[in-house]
Protein backbone atom coordinates (compact mmCIF):
# COMPACT_ATOMS: atom_id res chain seq x y z
CA MET A 1 2.25 -8.29 27.88
CA SER A 2 -1.15 -9.25 29.25
CA GLY A 3 -2.67 -8.37 25.89
CA VAL A 4 -0.19 -10.64 24.13
CA ASP A 5 -0.94 -13.44 26.60
CA ASN A 6 -4.61 -13.19 25.68
CA ILE A 7 -3.75 -14.14 22.09
CA ALA A 8 -2.61 -17.58 23.28
CA ARG A 9 -6.02 -18.10 24.91
CA LEU A 10 -7.84 -17.72 21.59
CA PRO A 11 -7.13 -20.77 19.39
CA GLU A 12 -8.93 -19.25 16.41
CA LEU A 13 -6.91 -16.03 16.56
CA ARG A 14 -3.69 -17.99 17.07
CA LYS A 15 -4.50 -20.06 14.00
CA LYS A 16 -5.13 -16.94 11.91
CA LEU A 17 -1.81 -15.42 12.98
CA LEU A 18 0.07 -18.64 12.19
CA TRP A 19 -1.58 -18.73 8.74
CA THR A 20 -0.51 -15.15 8.08
CA PHE A 21 3.11 -15.67 9.16
CA ALA A 22 3.38 -18.99 7.29
CA LEU A 23 2.16 -17.44 4.03
CA LEU A 24 4.53 -14.49 4.47
CA ALA A 25 7.37 -16.99 4.96
CA VAL A 26 6.43 -18.66 1.68
CA TYR A 27 6.58 -15.27 -0.02
CA ARG A 28 10.02 -14.50 1.40
CA LEU A 29 11.26 -17.96 0.38
CA GLY A 30 10.12 -17.40 -3.21
CA ILE A 31 12.08 -14.13 -3.37
CA HIS A 32 15.31 -16.20 -3.43
CA ILE A 33 14.24 -18.49 -6.31
CA PRO A 34 15.69 -17.03 -9.58
CA ILE A 35 14.05 -17.31 -12.98
CA PRO A 36 15.80 -19.80 -15.33
CA GLY A 37 18.48 -18.67 -17.77
CA VAL A 38 19.84 -15.59 -15.94
CA ASP A 39 23.46 -15.29 -14.85
CA SER A 40 23.18 -14.50 -11.13
CA ALA A 41 26.77 -13.25 -10.84
CA ALA A 42 26.37 -10.78 -13.73
CA LEU A 43 23.03 -9.64 -12.30
CA SER A 44 24.58 -8.97 -8.89
CA GLU A 45 27.36 -6.91 -10.49
CA PHE A 46 24.83 -4.86 -12.44
CA PHE A 47 22.58 -4.04 -9.48
CA ALA A 48 25.62 -3.25 -7.33
CA GLN A 49 26.16 -0.27 -9.66
CA ALA A 50 22.49 0.58 -10.26
CA GLN A 51 20.29 2.76 -8.09
CA ASN A 52 17.40 1.14 -6.23
CA THR A 53 13.91 2.03 -7.34
CA LEU A 54 10.59 1.94 -5.55
CA PHE A 55 9.70 -1.07 -7.66
CA ASP A 56 12.46 -3.13 -6.04
CA MET A 57 11.37 -1.87 -2.62
CA PHE A 58 7.77 -3.00 -3.18
CA SER A 59 8.92 -6.34 -4.60
CA GLY A 60 10.98 -6.98 -1.47
CA GLY A 61 14.25 -7.33 -3.39
CA GLY A 62 12.76 -9.70 -5.95
CA LEU A 63 13.74 -7.46 -8.88
CA LYS A 64 17.36 -7.25 -7.75
CA ARG A 65 17.56 -11.05 -7.55
CA MET A 66 15.40 -11.47 -10.69
CA SER A 67 13.36 -14.04 -8.80
CA ILE A 68 10.03 -15.61 -9.69
CA PHE A 69 8.44 -12.77 -7.65
CA ALA A 70 10.42 -10.03 -9.43
CA LEU A 71 7.26 -8.13 -10.41
CA GLY A 72 5.83 -8.47 -6.92
CA ILE A 73 2.20 -7.58 -6.37
CA MET A 74 2.39 -4.32 -8.37
CA PRO A 75 0.65 -5.70 -11.51
CA TYR A 76 -2.35 -6.54 -9.33
CA ILE A 77 -2.34 -3.01 -7.90
CA SER A 78 -2.07 -1.54 -11.40
CA ALA A 79 -5.01 -3.66 -12.55
CA SER A 80 -7.01 -2.49 -9.53
CA ILE A 81 -6.28 1.13 -10.42
CA ILE A 82 -7.48 0.59 -13.98
CA LEU A 83 -10.69 -1.19 -12.86
CA GLN A 84 -11.50 1.50 -10.31
CA LEU A 85 -10.98 4.24 -12.88
CA LEU A 86 -13.16 2.35 -15.35
CA THR A 87 -15.86 1.99 -12.68
CA VAL A 88 -16.32 5.77 -12.73
CA VAL A 89 -16.81 5.97 -16.51
CA SER A 90 -18.43 2.59 -17.25
CA PRO A 91 -22.14 2.24 -16.36
CA GLU A 92 -21.87 -1.56 -16.50
CA LEU A 93 -19.02 -1.72 -13.97
CA LYS A 94 -20.77 0.84 -11.77
CA ARG A 95 -23.90 -1.31 -11.81
CA LEU A 96 -21.86 -4.40 -10.89
CA GLN A 97 -20.26 -2.59 -7.98
CA LYS A 98 -23.33 -0.91 -6.47
CA GLU A 99 -26.36 -2.98 -7.51
CA GLU A 100 -25.21 -6.57 -7.85
CA GLY A 101 -23.85 -6.82 -4.32
CA GLU A 102 -21.49 -9.70 -3.56
CA ALA A 103 -21.91 -11.25 -7.02
CA GLY A 104 -20.93 -7.96 -8.66
CA ARG A 105 -17.85 -7.59 -6.48
CA LYS A 106 -16.76 -11.11 -7.36
CA LYS A 107 -17.15 -10.27 -11.04
CA ILE A 108 -14.99 -7.14 -10.67
CA THR A 109 -12.39 -9.20 -8.76
CA GLN A 110 -12.37 -11.66 -11.65
CA TYR A 111 -11.79 -8.83 -14.14
CA THR A 112 -8.96 -7.56 -11.93
CA ARG A 113 -7.30 -10.98 -12.04
CA TYR A 114 -7.53 -11.09 -15.83
CA GLY A 115 -6.04 -7.59 -15.99
CA THR A 116 -3.22 -8.67 -13.67
CA VAL A 117 -2.29 -11.55 -15.96
CA LEU A 118 -2.36 -9.29 -19.03
CA ILE A 119 -0.17 -6.61 -17.38
CA THR A 120 2.26 -9.26 -16.11
CA ILE A 121 2.64 -10.74 -19.60
CA VAL A 122 3.47 -7.31 -21.05
CA GLN A 123 5.91 -6.46 -18.27
CA GLY A 124 7.47 -9.95 -18.42
CA PHE A 125 8.12 -9.56 -22.15
CA ALA A 126 9.69 -6.13 -21.57
CA ILE A 127 11.97 -7.49 -18.82
CA ALA A 128 12.99 -10.53 -20.92
CA THR A 129 13.83 -8.29 -23.89
CA GLY A 130 15.76 -5.90 -21.68
CA LEU A 131 17.74 -8.67 -20.00
CA GLU A 132 18.87 -10.04 -23.37
CA SER A 133 20.36 -6.67 -24.30
CA MET A 134 22.07 -6.07 -20.95
CA SER A 135 25.49 -6.96 -19.63
CA SER A 136 27.32 -6.56 -16.33
CA PRO A 137 29.93 -3.81 -15.75
CA THR A 138 32.61 -6.41 -16.59
CA GLY A 139 30.94 -7.23 -19.93
CA ALA A 140 29.33 -10.56 -18.99
CA PRO A 141 25.90 -11.10 -20.61
CA MET A 142 22.89 -11.30 -18.30
CA VAL A 143 21.22 -14.14 -20.21
CA LEU A 144 23.03 -17.41 -20.73
CA TYR A 145 20.96 -18.56 -23.74
CA SER A 146 18.86 -15.82 -25.32
CA GLY A 147 16.07 -16.36 -27.81
CA ILE A 148 12.34 -17.04 -27.99
CA GLY A 149 12.67 -19.88 -25.48
CA PHE A 150 14.09 -17.55 -22.82
CA LYS A 151 11.37 -14.96 -23.49
CA LEU A 152 8.57 -17.51 -23.14
CA MET A 153 10.09 -19.02 -20.00
CA THR A 154 10.55 -15.58 -18.41
CA ILE A 155 6.99 -14.49 -19.22
CA LEU A 156 5.56 -17.78 -17.91
CA THR A 157 7.66 -17.67 -14.73
CA LEU A 158 6.93 -14.04 -13.86
CA THR A 159 3.21 -14.43 -14.63
CA ALA A 160 2.95 -17.55 -12.48
CA GLY A 161 4.86 -15.81 -9.67
CA THR A 162 2.59 -12.76 -9.66
CA VAL A 163 -0.59 -14.87 -9.83
CA PHE A 164 0.72 -16.98 -6.95
CA LEU A 165 1.40 -13.83 -4.91
CA MET A 166 -2.12 -12.62 -5.69
CA TRP A 167 -3.47 -15.95 -4.42
CA LEU A 168 -1.28 -15.69 -1.29
CA GLY A 169 -2.73 -12.24 -0.57
CA GLU A 170 -6.29 -13.51 -0.95
CA GLN A 171 -5.56 -16.46 1.36
CA MET A 172 -4.13 -14.07 3.98
CA THR A 173 -7.25 -11.95 3.78
CA GLU A 174 -9.56 -14.96 4.00
CA LYS A 175 -7.79 -17.20 6.51
CA GLY A 176 -5.47 -14.75 8.26
CA ILE A 177 -5.81 -11.25 9.68
CA GLY A 178 -5.77 -8.06 7.69
CA ASN A 179 -5.46 -7.14 4.05
CA GLY A 180 -3.12 -9.72 2.50
CA ILE A 181 -1.97 -7.49 -0.36
CA SER A 182 -0.94 -4.73 2.05
CA LEU A 183 0.87 -7.24 4.27
CA ILE A 184 2.89 -8.52 1.29
CA ILE A 185 4.00 -4.96 0.47
CA TYR A 186 4.71 -4.39 4.17
CA ALA A 187 6.87 -7.52 4.36
CA GLY A 188 8.78 -6.47 1.24
CA ILE A 189 9.64 -3.08 2.75
CA ILE A 190 10.55 -4.45 6.18
CA ALA A 191 12.84 -7.09 4.62
CA GLY A 192 15.06 -4.37 3.18
CA LEU A 193 15.40 -2.32 6.37
CA PRO A 194 18.27 -4.31 7.98
CA ALA A 195 20.41 -4.02 4.85
CA ALA A 196 19.61 -0.29 4.65
CA VAL A 197 20.67 0.23 8.28
CA ILE A 198 23.92 -1.67 7.71
CA ASN A 199 24.60 0.31 4.52
CA THR A 200 24.03 3.60 6.36
CA LEU A 201 26.41 2.60 9.15
CA GLN A 202 29.02 1.63 6.55
CA LEU A 203 28.64 5.04 4.90
CA MET A 204 29.27 6.66 8.27
CA THR A 205 32.39 4.54 8.94
CA VAL A 206 33.96 5.54 5.61
CA GLY A 207 33.18 9.22 6.24
CA GLU A 208 30.49 9.78 3.59
CA ILE A 209 27.93 10.54 6.32
CA SER A 210 28.86 12.40 9.49
CA LEU A 211 27.57 11.46 12.93
CA PHE A 212 25.62 14.74 13.09
CA ILE A 213 23.77 14.00 9.84
CA LEU A 214 23.01 10.45 11.02
CA LEU A 215 21.53 11.77 14.28
CA LEU A 216 19.59 14.37 12.30
CA LEU A 217 18.13 11.65 10.08
CA ILE A 218 17.11 9.60 13.12
CA VAL A 219 15.36 12.65 14.61
CA VAL A 220 13.55 13.26 11.29
CA MET A 221 12.41 9.64 11.11
CA VAL A 222 11.18 9.58 14.71
CA ALA A 223 9.33 12.88 14.26
CA THR A 224 7.78 11.63 11.00
CA LEU A 225 6.75 8.39 12.70
CA ALA A 226 5.06 10.25 15.57
CA PHE A 227 3.35 12.61 13.11
CA ILE A 228 2.01 9.68 11.06
CA VAL A 229 0.58 7.95 14.14
CA PHE A 230 -1.00 11.21 15.34
CA MET A 231 -2.64 11.93 11.97
CA GLU A 232 -3.75 8.35 11.33
CA ARG A 233 -5.67 8.37 14.61
CA GLY A 234 -7.21 11.79 13.92
CA GLN A 235 -10.98 11.99 13.41
CA ARG A 236 -13.66 14.56 12.68
CA ARG A 237 -16.69 13.53 14.74
CA ILE A 238 -20.07 14.71 13.48
CA PRO A 239 -22.68 14.64 16.32
CA ILE A 240 -25.90 12.74 15.61
CA HIS A 241 -29.02 12.94 17.77
CA TYR A 242 -31.79 10.34 17.76
CA ALA A 243 -35.28 11.52 18.66
CA LYS A 244 -37.39 9.53 21.11
CA ARG A 245 -40.00 7.29 19.54
CA GLN A 246 -42.36 4.72 21.00
CA GLN A 247 -42.96 1.28 19.50
CA GLY A 248 -45.60 -0.59 21.45
CA ARG A 249 -44.72 -0.21 25.11
CA ARG A 250 -41.03 0.40 24.55
CA MET A 251 -39.32 3.76 24.11
CA PHE A 252 -36.42 4.02 21.64
CA GLY A 253 -33.98 6.81 20.81
CA GLY A 254 -33.25 9.89 22.85
CA GLN A 255 -29.49 9.34 22.66
CA THR A 256 -26.55 11.19 21.14
CA THR A 257 -23.73 9.58 19.19
CA HIS A 258 -21.29 10.66 16.50
CA LEU A 259 -20.21 9.79 12.98
CA PRO A 260 -16.37 9.46 12.91
CA LEU A 261 -14.65 10.63 9.73
CA LYS A 262 -10.94 9.85 9.49
CA ILE A 263 -8.62 12.57 8.28
CA ASN A 264 -6.91 10.03 6.04
CA THR A 265 -9.83 7.93 4.85
CA ALA A 266 -7.97 6.53 1.85
CA GLY A 267 -5.11 5.16 3.97
CA VAL A 268 -1.89 4.05 2.25
CA ILE A 269 -3.53 3.38 -1.12
CA PRO A 270 -2.82 6.83 -2.73
CA PRO A 271 0.99 6.76 -2.21
CA ILE A 272 1.12 3.14 -3.41
CA PHE A 273 -0.87 4.03 -6.53
CA ALA A 274 1.23 7.14 -7.16
CA SER A 275 4.47 5.23 -6.67
CA SER A 276 3.40 2.43 -9.01
CA ILE A 277 2.77 4.99 -11.76
CA LEU A 278 5.90 7.14 -11.34
CA MET A 279 8.37 4.31 -10.75
CA PHE A 280 7.63 2.72 -14.14
CA PRO A 281 10.00 4.93 -16.25
CA ALA A 282 12.92 4.39 -13.84
CA THR A 283 12.33 0.64 -13.83
CA LEU A 284 12.23 0.46 -17.63
CA ALA A 285 15.43 2.49 -17.85
CA GLN A 286 17.26 -0.11 -15.77
CA PHE A 287 16.49 -2.78 -18.37
CA SER A 288 17.18 -0.70 -21.46
CA SER A 289 20.19 1.02 -22.95
CA ASN A 290 18.07 3.39 -25.06
CA LYS A 291 19.45 6.91 -24.67
CA TYR A 292 16.08 8.64 -25.00
CA LEU A 293 14.56 6.40 -22.33
CA GLN A 294 17.51 7.06 -20.04
CA ASP A 295 17.14 10.83 -20.51
CA PHE A 296 13.38 10.62 -19.97
CA SER A 297 13.73 8.57 -16.77
CA ALA A 298 16.19 11.16 -15.38
CA TYR A 299 13.22 13.51 -14.91
CA PHE A 300 11.59 10.95 -12.59
CA ARG A 301 14.35 10.78 -10.00
CA PRO A 302 12.92 11.08 -6.45
CA ASP A 303 14.87 14.30 -5.87
CA SER A 304 13.71 16.01 -9.09
CA VAL A 305 11.17 18.84 -9.07
CA LEU A 306 8.96 17.24 -11.76
CA TYR A 307 8.78 13.96 -9.86
CA ASN A 308 7.67 15.66 -6.64
CA ILE A 309 5.08 17.86 -8.36
CA LEU A 310 3.55 14.88 -10.16
CA TYR A 311 3.77 12.78 -7.00
CA ILE A 312 1.84 15.34 -4.94
CA GLY A 313 -0.77 15.79 -7.69
CA ILE A 314 -1.38 12.05 -8.10
CA ILE A 315 -1.58 11.52 -4.32
CA ILE A 316 -4.18 14.29 -3.92
CA PHE A 317 -6.20 12.90 -6.84
CA PHE A 318 -6.23 9.35 -5.49
CA CYS A 319 -7.03 10.56 -1.95
CA TYR A 320 -10.26 12.10 -3.24
CA PHE A 321 -10.90 9.30 -5.72
CA TYR A 322 -10.45 6.43 -3.27
CA THR A 323 -12.40 8.25 -0.53
CA ALA A 324 -15.32 8.68 -2.96
CA ILE A 325 -15.24 4.95 -3.67
CA MET A 326 -15.02 3.87 -0.01
CA PHE A 327 -17.42 6.38 1.57
CA ASP A 328 -20.99 6.99 0.39
CA PRO A 329 -22.49 10.15 1.99
CA LYS A 330 -25.87 9.49 0.38
CA GLY A 331 -26.16 6.02 1.90
CA ILE A 332 -25.02 7.31 5.31
CA ALA A 333 -27.59 10.13 5.23
CA GLU A 334 -30.38 7.70 4.27
CA ASN A 335 -29.49 5.31 7.09
CA ILE A 336 -29.43 8.14 9.63
CA GLN A 337 -32.87 9.32 8.47
CA LYS A 338 -34.35 5.80 8.55
CA GLN A 339 -33.19 5.36 12.14
CA GLY A 340 -34.75 8.65 13.19
CA GLY A 341 -31.46 10.48 13.62
CA PHE A 342 -30.39 13.96 12.59
CA ILE A 343 -27.37 16.24 12.72
CA PRO A 344 -28.11 19.30 14.93
CA GLY A 345 -28.92 22.28 12.75
CA ILE A 346 -29.07 20.19 9.54
CA ARG A 347 -32.24 18.86 7.93
CA PRO A 348 -32.44 15.11 7.37
CA GLY A 349 -32.14 13.77 3.83
CA ASN A 350 -30.42 15.68 1.07
CA ARG A 351 -29.14 18.48 3.34
CA THR A 352 -27.48 15.90 5.58
CA ARG A 353 -25.82 14.29 2.56
CA GLU A 354 -24.53 17.66 1.39
CA TYR A 355 -23.20 18.49 4.85
CA ILE A 356 -21.38 15.15 5.23
CA ASP A 357 -19.99 15.48 1.71
CA LYS A 358 -18.75 19.01 2.44
CA VAL A 359 -17.05 17.98 5.70
CA LEU A 360 -15.52 14.91 4.05
CA ALA A 361 -14.14 16.98 1.15
CA ARG A 362 -12.61 19.50 3.57
CA ILE A 363 -10.85 16.96 5.80
CA THR A 364 -9.77 14.91 2.76
CA LEU A 365 -7.86 17.95 1.53
CA TRP A 366 -5.94 18.12 4.80
CA GLY A 367 -5.45 14.36 4.72
CA ALA A 368 -4.09 14.54 1.16
CA LEU A 369 -1.70 17.35 2.12
CA TYR A 370 -0.54 15.36 5.14
CA VAL A 371 0.14 12.24 3.03
CA SER A 372 1.93 14.35 0.40
CA ALA A 373 4.11 16.02 3.03
CA VAL A 374 5.07 12.70 4.62
CA CYS A 375 5.87 11.11 1.26
CA VAL A 376 7.72 14.01 -0.38
CA LEU A 377 9.48 16.15 2.22
CA PRO A 378 11.45 13.45 4.12
CA MET A 379 12.29 11.69 0.86
CA PHE A 380 13.56 14.93 -0.67
CA LEU A 381 15.61 15.89 2.38
CA ILE A 382 17.09 12.46 2.93
CA SER A 383 17.99 11.99 -0.74
CA LYS A 384 20.24 15.03 -0.42
CA PHE A 385 22.36 13.12 2.09
CA GLY A 386 22.65 10.05 -0.15
CA VAL A 387 21.31 7.53 2.37
CA PRO A 388 19.31 4.40 1.38
CA PHE A 389 15.89 5.07 -0.11
CA TYR A 390 14.15 2.87 2.50
CA PHE A 391 14.16 5.77 4.91
CA GLY A 392 11.78 7.74 2.68
CA GLY A 393 8.38 8.94 3.83
CA THR A 394 6.45 6.59 1.53
CA SER A 395 7.87 3.46 3.11
CA LEU A 396 7.31 4.84 6.64
CA LEU A 397 3.71 5.73 5.83
CA ILE A 398 3.00 2.26 4.42
CA VAL A 399 4.73 0.45 7.28
CA VAL A 400 3.00 2.46 10.02
CA GLY A 401 -0.40 2.39 8.29
CA VAL A 402 -0.39 -1.35 7.67
CA ALA A 403 0.97 -2.08 11.17
CA MET A 404 -1.77 0.02 12.80
CA ASP A 405 -4.40 -1.67 10.65
CA PHE A 406 -3.05 -5.12 11.56
CA MET A 407 -2.95 -4.35 15.29
CA GLY A 408 -6.37 -2.75 15.14
CA ARG A 409 -7.87 -5.90 13.60
CA ILE A 410 -6.29 -8.07 16.29
CA GLU A 411 -7.59 -5.74 18.99
CA SER A 412 -11.12 -5.75 17.55
CA TYR A 413 -11.07 -9.55 17.31
CA MET A 414 -9.97 -9.89 20.94
CA ILE A 415 -12.51 -7.36 22.24
CA SER A 416 -15.31 -9.11 20.31
CA ARG A 417 -14.39 -12.31 22.19
CA GLN A 418 -14.57 -10.36 25.49
CA TYR A 419 -10.83 -10.22 26.03
CA GLU A 420 -8.84 -7.14 26.98
CA GLY A 421 -7.15 -5.59 23.95
CA LEU A 422 -3.46 -5.36 23.14
CA MET A 423 -3.11 -1.85 24.56
CA GLY A 424 -4.94 -2.53 27.84
CA LYS A 425 -8.00 -0.88 29.35
CA GLY A 426 -8.79 2.61 28.14
CA ASN A 427 -6.13 2.49 25.41
CA LYS A 428 -7.99 1.08 22.46
CA LEU A 429 -6.05 1.26 19.22
CA LYS A 430 -7.93 3.04 16.47
CA GLY A 431 -6.79 1.05 13.47
CA ARG A 432 -7.97 1.73 9.94
CA ARG A 433 -11.43 0.28 9.27
């Protein structure tokens, strides 16, 4: 509690936290504002019979309520995926990212915003068209007054909602603490947990889930949680020695330090990217009565073999891809050489770069397998018992990863102001950097 008390002594940190919580409250308020022209009663009846998808989990229930934030922040994430993939193949985008500095990053961010608007318009049109052809289990139409006016209003509303969420995330990053986009996804997942717990208890009271299975699920979740925390704090430390050198009358160097490489350098980004790709067929199937689309989406159920194989493959790909974007072995090797450092037994320069790249590739493989196991195995086992999807490994990984990142940023901020951290002396939280 002494660490929490220190937060009150830092007005700037307190202001950042209040900004973050206020903007998250605005997001949760917008979830309950429906788009115009949709029959809320018919929509509730339809989703009472439909199966939840990851899309609704990431939108924080906005899709189920067909709110102004129904698409959530996923179009922005999809646009980011496309831009990052294009950066690898486009020399112009690569130049903007690596040579133009801050101006180049702002230009790429601008392109990402344009891509977000374009994706939202396409998805908004698909949802509006699907809603017009849908009806509740009792036969009531979803749309009160269909036509071109409803389509335009739905596209405009959903686009404005997604752009506003994108702006909220940027404001959280700038004026608050942590990555605003991740915090919005985190809040959307956490908001559904109470209802999932109540639903699970109701299933146990009616006899669909036994007490033994419920206790088994709790043990699996606790074990998965502990495993995630253990792996997220894991590091591979490469020793670096600095030779003694004299500048004027002063002696520099002669010390030993290390280069920390996280096992999961990419963080929660790969499962979010993989989920955003694989959840698209299931989401489209909910808003369409096309038989071929329904049959196709059946292959992408979370408990299907094809879904899990593709999920693991996409996670491994994005673990390597995102690590390559975030970590530059060549730049690290050059900085070590300029400062007079070297890795014992490895020549400075190109050999150092190759060694760091080799170590990073090896631990990234284990990190990718760890993320895949957390995301797939608990989700596959729990889906067999028919419990709410919120207890899956993907949601746990995102919640724990974002929470550790958020606490780590608070701890770093407090320590930089010469205050004891949240975890006390000698217990510094290694959040994601």
